[in-house]
Protein backbone atom coordinates (compact mmCIF):
# COMPACT_ATOMS: atom_id res chain seq x y z
CA MET A 1 -0.46 7.76 23.74
CA ASP A 2 2.09 10.42 24.70
CA ILE A 3 0.42 13.72 23.22
CA ILE A 4 3.95 15.30 23.28
CA MET A 5 4.61 12.50 20.40
CA LEU A 6 1.11 13.06 18.75
CA ALA A 7 2.07 16.71 18.68
CA SER A 8 5.70 15.80 17.19
CA LEU A 9 3.99 13.94 14.84
CA ARG A 10 1.37 16.30 13.72
CA HIS A 11 3.66 19.00 13.49
CA TRP A 12 5.80 16.61 11.35
CA SER A 13 2.89 15.62 9.04
CA GLN A 14 2.72 19.86 8.32
CA SER A 15 5.78 19.06 6.22
CA ARG A 16 6.19 18.35 2.32
CA PHE A 17 9.01 16.21 3.11
CA SER A 18 6.68 14.25 5.27
CA TRP A 19 4.67 13.06 2.63
CA LEU A 20 7.44 13.07 -0.02
CA LEU A 21 9.01 10.68 1.89
CA LEU A 22 5.85 8.40 2.19
CA ALA A 23 5.54 8.84 -1.97
CA LEU A 24 8.83 7.92 -2.72
CA THR A 25 8.59 4.74 0.26
CA ALA A 26 5.61 3.71 -2.12
CA ILE A 27 6.78 4.25 -5.36
CA GLY A 28 9.86 2.39 -4.38
CA LEU A 29 7.90 -0.77 -4.05
CA GLU A 30 6.44 -0.08 -7.29
CA ALA A 31 9.44 -0.12 -8.51
CA THR A 32 10.63 -3.04 -6.71
CA ALA A 33 7.44 -4.71 -7.88
CA LEU A 34 8.15 -4.46 -11.17
CA TYR A 35 12.40 -5.47 -10.79
CA PHE A 36 10.68 -8.87 -9.87
CA GLN A 37 8.33 -8.92 -12.62
CA TYR A 38 10.87 -7.92 -15.45
CA GLY A 39 14.21 -8.41 -13.41
CA MET A 40 14.08 -11.14 -11.94
CA GLU A 41 11.22 -12.41 -14.44
CA LEU A 42 8.74 -13.41 -11.48
CA MET A 43 5.08 -13.69 -13.12
CA PRO A 44 2.44 -11.12 -10.91
CA CYS A 45 -0.65 -12.57 -9.99
CA VAL A 46 -4.27 -10.93 -9.38
CA MET A 47 -3.48 -10.64 -5.82
CA CYS A 48 -0.12 -9.04 -6.45
CA VAL A 49 -1.72 -6.46 -9.04
CA TYR A 50 -4.71 -6.21 -6.45
CA GLN A 51 -1.73 -5.13 -3.85
CA ARG A 52 -0.10 -2.92 -6.51
CA ILE A 53 -3.09 -0.62 -6.63
CA ALA A 54 -3.78 -0.40 -3.03
CA VAL A 55 0.38 0.29 -2.78
CA LEU A 56 -0.83 2.94 -5.98
CA GLY A 57 -3.64 4.65 -3.36
CA ILE A 58 -0.74 5.31 -0.33
CA VAL A 59 1.22 7.08 -3.97
CA ALA A 60 -2.29 9.18 -4.03
CA ALA A 61 -2.74 9.61 -0.47
CA ALA A 62 1.06 11.27 -0.38
CA PHE A 63 0.02 12.91 -3.18
CA ILE A 64 -2.45 15.01 -1.12
CA GLY A 65 -1.09 15.43 1.75
CA ILE A 66 1.97 16.76 -0.49
CA ALA A 67 -0.11 19.35 -2.75
CA ASN A 68 -1.29 21.65 0.92
CA PRO A 69 0.00 20.01 4.12
CA LYS A 70 -0.50 23.29 5.95
CA LEU A 71 -4.06 22.31 5.65
CA ALA A 72 -5.85 20.06 7.75
CA LEU A 73 -8.27 18.97 5.35
CA MET A 74 -5.23 18.11 3.25
CA ARG A 75 -4.01 16.39 5.64
CA ILE A 76 -6.86 14.41 6.93
CA ALA A 77 -7.86 13.66 3.56
CA GLY A 78 -4.53 12.07 2.87
CA GLY A 79 -4.19 10.19 6.03
CA PHE A 80 -8.01 8.72 5.70
CA LEU A 81 -7.11 7.28 2.20
CA TRP A 82 -3.11 6.22 3.45
CA ILE A 83 -4.85 3.42 6.03
CA TYR A 84 -8.03 2.76 3.65
CA SER A 85 -4.95 1.70 1.16
CA ALA A 86 -3.53 0.12 3.96
CA TYR A 87 -6.13 -1.62 5.03
CA ARG A 88 -7.03 -2.81 1.95
CA GLY A 89 -3.53 -3.87 1.10
CA ILE A 90 -3.38 -5.79 4.59
CA ALA A 91 -6.27 -7.61 3.96
CA LEU A 92 -5.41 -8.64 -0.11
CA ALA A 93 -1.95 -10.10 1.56
CA TRP A 94 -3.77 -11.52 3.97
CA GLU A 95 -6.11 -13.53 1.61
CA HIS A 96 -2.59 -13.67 -0.66
CA THR A 97 -1.10 -15.29 2.03
CA GLN A 98 -3.33 -17.96 2.88
CA LEU A 99 -3.78 -19.23 -0.38
CA ILE A 100 0.30 -19.89 -0.98
CA LEU A 101 0.27 -21.49 2.26
CA ASN A 102 -2.46 -23.40 2.55
CA PRO A 103 -3.34 -24.51 -1.15
CA SER A 104 -6.79 -25.36 -1.58
CA PRO A 105 -8.74 -26.47 -5.08
CA PHE A 106 -11.58 -24.93 -3.56
CA ALA A 107 -9.52 -21.40 -2.72
CA THR A 108 -8.30 -20.16 -5.86
CA CYS A 109 -8.17 -16.20 -7.25
CA ASP A 110 -9.45 -14.97 -10.38
CA PHE A 111 -7.86 -15.77 -13.39
CA PHE A 112 -8.10 -11.60 -14.97
CA VAL A 113 -7.95 -8.69 -12.72
CA THR A 114 -11.31 -7.73 -12.65
CA LEU A 115 -11.73 -3.55 -12.16
CA PRO A 116 -14.38 -0.90 -13.25
CA SER A 117 -14.37 0.19 -16.90
CA TRP A 118 -13.22 3.61 -15.75
CA PHE A 119 -10.69 2.23 -13.78
CA ALA A 120 -9.20 -0.29 -15.80
CA LEU A 121 -5.79 -0.35 -14.96
CA GLN A 122 -4.98 -3.68 -16.79
CA ASP A 123 -6.27 -2.40 -20.25
CA TRP A 124 -4.89 0.90 -19.71
CA PHE A 125 -1.25 -0.26 -18.97
CA PRO A 126 -0.81 -4.07 -19.15
CA ALA A 127 2.77 -4.23 -18.81
CA VAL A 128 2.10 -3.07 -14.83
CA PHE A 129 -1.29 -4.57 -14.23
CA GLN A 130 -1.73 -7.51 -16.37
CA ALA A 131 -1.57 -10.43 -14.08
CA THR A 132 0.11 -13.69 -15.56
CA GLY A 133 0.90 -16.00 -12.31
CA ASP A 134 -0.89 -18.13 -10.34
CA CYS A 135 -1.88 -17.17 -6.61
CA SER A 136 -0.90 -20.19 -5.22
CA VAL A 137 2.48 -21.01 -6.25
CA SER A 138 5.46 -19.87 -4.42
CA GLN A 139 8.00 -17.82 -6.77
CA TRP A 140 10.15 -15.78 -4.19
CA GLN A 141 11.01 -16.17 -0.55
CA PHE A 142 13.26 -13.85 1.73
CA LEU A 143 13.99 -15.11 5.39
CA SER A 144 11.62 -17.54 4.76
CA LEU A 145 8.57 -15.37 4.18
CA GLU A 146 6.95 -15.03 0.88
CA MET A 147 6.38 -12.25 -0.93
CA PRO A 148 2.82 -11.78 0.36
CA GLN A 149 4.15 -12.03 4.03
CA TRP A 150 6.40 -9.20 3.34
CA MET A 151 3.43 -7.24 2.28
CA LEU A 152 1.71 -8.21 4.81
CA PHE A 153 4.24 -6.69 7.33
CA ILE A 154 4.62 -3.53 5.17
CA PHE A 155 0.99 -2.62 5.12
CA SER A 156 0.33 -3.20 8.61
CA ALA A 157 3.72 -0.89 8.99
CA TYR A 158 1.37 1.67 7.08
CA PHE A 159 -1.25 1.30 8.66
CA ALA A 160 0.09 1.65 11.99
CA VAL A 161 1.98 4.87 11.27
CA GLY A 162 -1.08 6.13 9.25
CA LEU A 163 -3.09 6.02 11.85
CA LEU A 164 -0.72 7.40 14.51
CA VAL A 165 -0.03 10.41 11.61
CA LEU A 166 -4.74 10.66 11.47
CA ILE A 167 -4.80 10.65 15.03
CA SER A 168 -2.55 13.11 15.82
CA GLN A 169 -4.35 15.61 13.30
CA VAL A 170 -7.25 15.74 15.98
CA THR A 171 -5.02 16.52 19.13
CA THR A 172 -3.85 20.15 20.13
CA SER A 173 -1.27 21.55 20.16
CA LYS A 174 0.16 24.69 21.61
CA ASP A 175 1.71 25.98 18.49
CA ASP A 176 -0.94 25.60 16.24
């Protein structure tokens, strides 16, 4: 890995703009999901809702970074939440992809979103987090890829960039 690239990433991660950009991309994904649900009348399934929550984790990570990007602890905490959320998103998108591409009566998703009572988003915001669709039904394709396949790509990109940003936090730089 090029030390100059890592130093540049570290410097870039110390600006609020970079964390705001991360937040805006994730908020854009959430808005797109709501457009698919309400504009195109696609029914979100349980796996879709869980992926929305993973994207919200990336939004939360961005807000941690925005709070004080000059403080290494905040950048590292935001980076860990960013990577964890992207990792969970990859796992969820992969499982969802398998349900669509390899349908089986033995491999299904839950009928209802099951979150802890202290984080019951499906009860607090049912318009966004209540599942009404079937995980194994294909509702949308673009360039012959299903929506969870696109999300797999998106979460993988978030993971790769987040990992590089986190690694850059432990590299030394002459200007720090």
